[in-house]
C-alpha atoms as a PDB file:
ATOM      1  CA  UNK A   1      20.418 -11.647  40.186  1.00  0.00           C
ATOM      2  CA  UNK A   2      16.650 -11.710  40.770  1.00  0.00           C
ATOM      3  CA  UNK A   3      16.518  -7.940  41.112  1.00  0.00           C
ATOM      4  CA  UNK A   4      18.345  -7.518  37.816  1.00  0.00           C
ATOM      5  CA  UNK A   5      15.876  -9.813  36.081  1.00  0.00           C
ATOM      6  CA  UNK A   6      12.943  -7.888  37.526  1.00  0.00           C
ATOM      7  CA  UNK A   7      14.465  -4.593  36.376  1.00  0.00           C
ATOM      8  CA  UNK A   8      14.942  -5.915  32.833  1.00  0.00           C
ATOM      9  CA  UNK A   9      11.359  -7.147  32.765  1.00  0.00           C
ATOM     10  CA  UNK A  10       9.985  -3.828  33.990  1.00  0.00           C
ATOM     11  CA  UNK A  11      12.163  -1.949  31.507  1.00  0.00           C
ATOM     12  CA  UNK A  12      11.036  -3.965  28.482  1.00  0.00           C
ATOM     13  CA  UNK A  13       7.366  -3.931  29.487  1.00  0.00           C
ATOM     14  CA  UNK A  14       7.407  -0.179  30.014  1.00  0.00           C
ATOM     15  CA  UNK A  15       9.202   0.292  26.703  1.00  0.00           C
ATOM     16  CA  UNK A  16       6.569  -1.862  25.002  1.00  0.00           C
ATOM     17  CA  UNK A  17       3.656   0.065  26.521  1.00  0.00           C
ATOM     18  CA  UNK A  18       5.240   3.402  25.612  1.00  0.00           C
ATOM     19  CA  UNK A  19       6.120   2.473  22.033  1.00  0.00           C
ATOM     20  CA  UNK A  20       2.853   0.751  21.149  1.00  0.00           C
ATOM     21  CA  UNK A  21       0.708   3.910  21.485  1.00  0.00           C
ATOM     22  CA  UNK A  22       3.313   5.898  19.574  1.00  0.00           C
ATOM     23  CA  UNK A  23       3.232   3.384  16.721  1.00  0.00           C
ATOM     24  CA  UNK A  24      -0.575   3.441  16.771  1.00  0.00           C
ATOM     25  CA  UNK A  25      -0.683   7.258  16.582  1.00  0.00           C
ATOM     26  CA  UNK A  26       1.745   7.266  13.643  1.00  0.00           C
ATOM     27  CA  UNK A  27      -0.398   4.638  11.894  1.00  0.00           C
ATOM     28  CA  UNK A  28      -3.561   6.695  12.498  1.00  0.00           C
ATOM     29  CA  UNK A  29      -1.984   9.813  11.008  1.00  0.00           C
ATOM     30  CA  UNK A  30      -0.731   7.942   7.935  1.00  0.00           C
ATOM     31  CA  UNK A  31      -3.952   5.978   7.259  1.00  0.00           C
ATOM     32  CA  UNK A  32      -7.306   6.887   5.774  1.00  0.00           C
ATOM     33  CA  UNK A  33     -10.505   5.891   7.555  1.00  0.00           C
ATOM     34  CA  UNK A  34     -14.216   6.167   6.845  1.00  0.00           C
ATOM     35  CA  UNK A  35     -15.877   9.353   8.143  1.00  0.00           C
ATOM     36  CA  UNK A  36     -14.511  10.686  11.423  1.00  0.00           C
ATOM     37  CA  UNK A  37     -12.862   7.425  12.423  1.00  0.00           C
ATOM     38  CA  UNK A  38      -9.428   9.108  12.473  1.00  0.00           C
ATOM     39  CA  UNK A  39     -10.510  11.228  15.415  1.00  0.00           C
ATOM     40  CA  UNK A  40     -12.295   8.328  17.094  1.00  0.00           C
ATOM     41  CA  UNK A  41      -9.254   6.044  16.806  1.00  0.00           C
ATOM     42  CA  UNK A  42      -6.964   8.784  18.084  1.00  0.00           C
ATOM     43  CA  UNK A  43      -9.186   9.349  21.127  1.00  0.00           C
ATOM     44  CA  UNK A  44      -9.275   5.613  21.824  1.00  0.00           C
ATOM     45  CA  UNK A  45      -5.478   5.362  21.767  1.00  0.00           C
ATOM     46  CA  UNK A  46      -4.941   8.434  23.918  1.00  0.00           C
ATOM     47  CA  UNK A  47      -7.626   8.065  26.588  1.00  0.00           C
ATOM     48  CA  UNK A  48      -8.213   4.334  27.040  1.00  0.00           C
ATOM     49  CA  UNK A  49      -5.456   2.525  28.983  1.00  0.00           C
ATOM     50  CA  UNK A  50      -5.095  -0.337  26.495  1.00  0.00           C
ATOM     51  CA  UNK A  51      -6.408   1.703  23.586  1.00  0.00           C
ATOM     52  CA  UNK A  52      -3.513   0.902  21.283  1.00  0.00           C
ATOM     53  CA  UNK A  53      -4.278  -2.807  21.550  1.00  0.00           C
ATOM     54  CA  UNK A  54      -7.946  -2.079  20.852  1.00  0.00           C
ATOM     55  CA  UNK A  55      -6.872   0.063  17.898  1.00  0.00           C
ATOM     56  CA  UNK A  56      -4.801  -2.704  16.331  1.00  0.00           C
ATOM     57  CA  UNK A  57      -7.751  -5.089  16.672  1.00  0.00           C
ATOM     58  CA  UNK A  58     -10.413  -2.734  15.251  1.00  0.00           C
ATOM     59  CA  UNK A  59      -8.569  -0.493  12.766  1.00  0.00           C
ATOM     60  CA  UNK A  60      -7.843  -2.922   9.917  1.00  0.00           C
ATOM     61  CA  UNK A  61     -11.555  -3.323   9.221  1.00  0.00           C
ATOM     62  CA  UNK A  62     -12.172   0.453   9.344  1.00  0.00           C
ATOM     63  CA  UNK A  63      -9.374   1.561   6.996  1.00  0.00           C
ATOM     64  CA  UNK A  64     -10.040   2.645   3.423  1.00  0.00           C
ATOM     65  CA  UNK A  65      -8.170   0.436   1.026  1.00  0.00           C
ATOM     66  CA  UNK A  66      -6.776   2.314  -1.962  1.00  0.00           C
END
């Protein structure tokens, strides 16, 4: 029973850390930013281990509101 619980936990955590960058990349492509911030945000999400979390903390203040 403990092994099953550990497997479920690992599965959901890995799913979370695989989906979060994907959601961030989709949001970057669909949003408008000041200057070259699109490229900067994309590089942050791709190359920094917790870049998607950093993106969701920084990006709302950098987006152009229409």
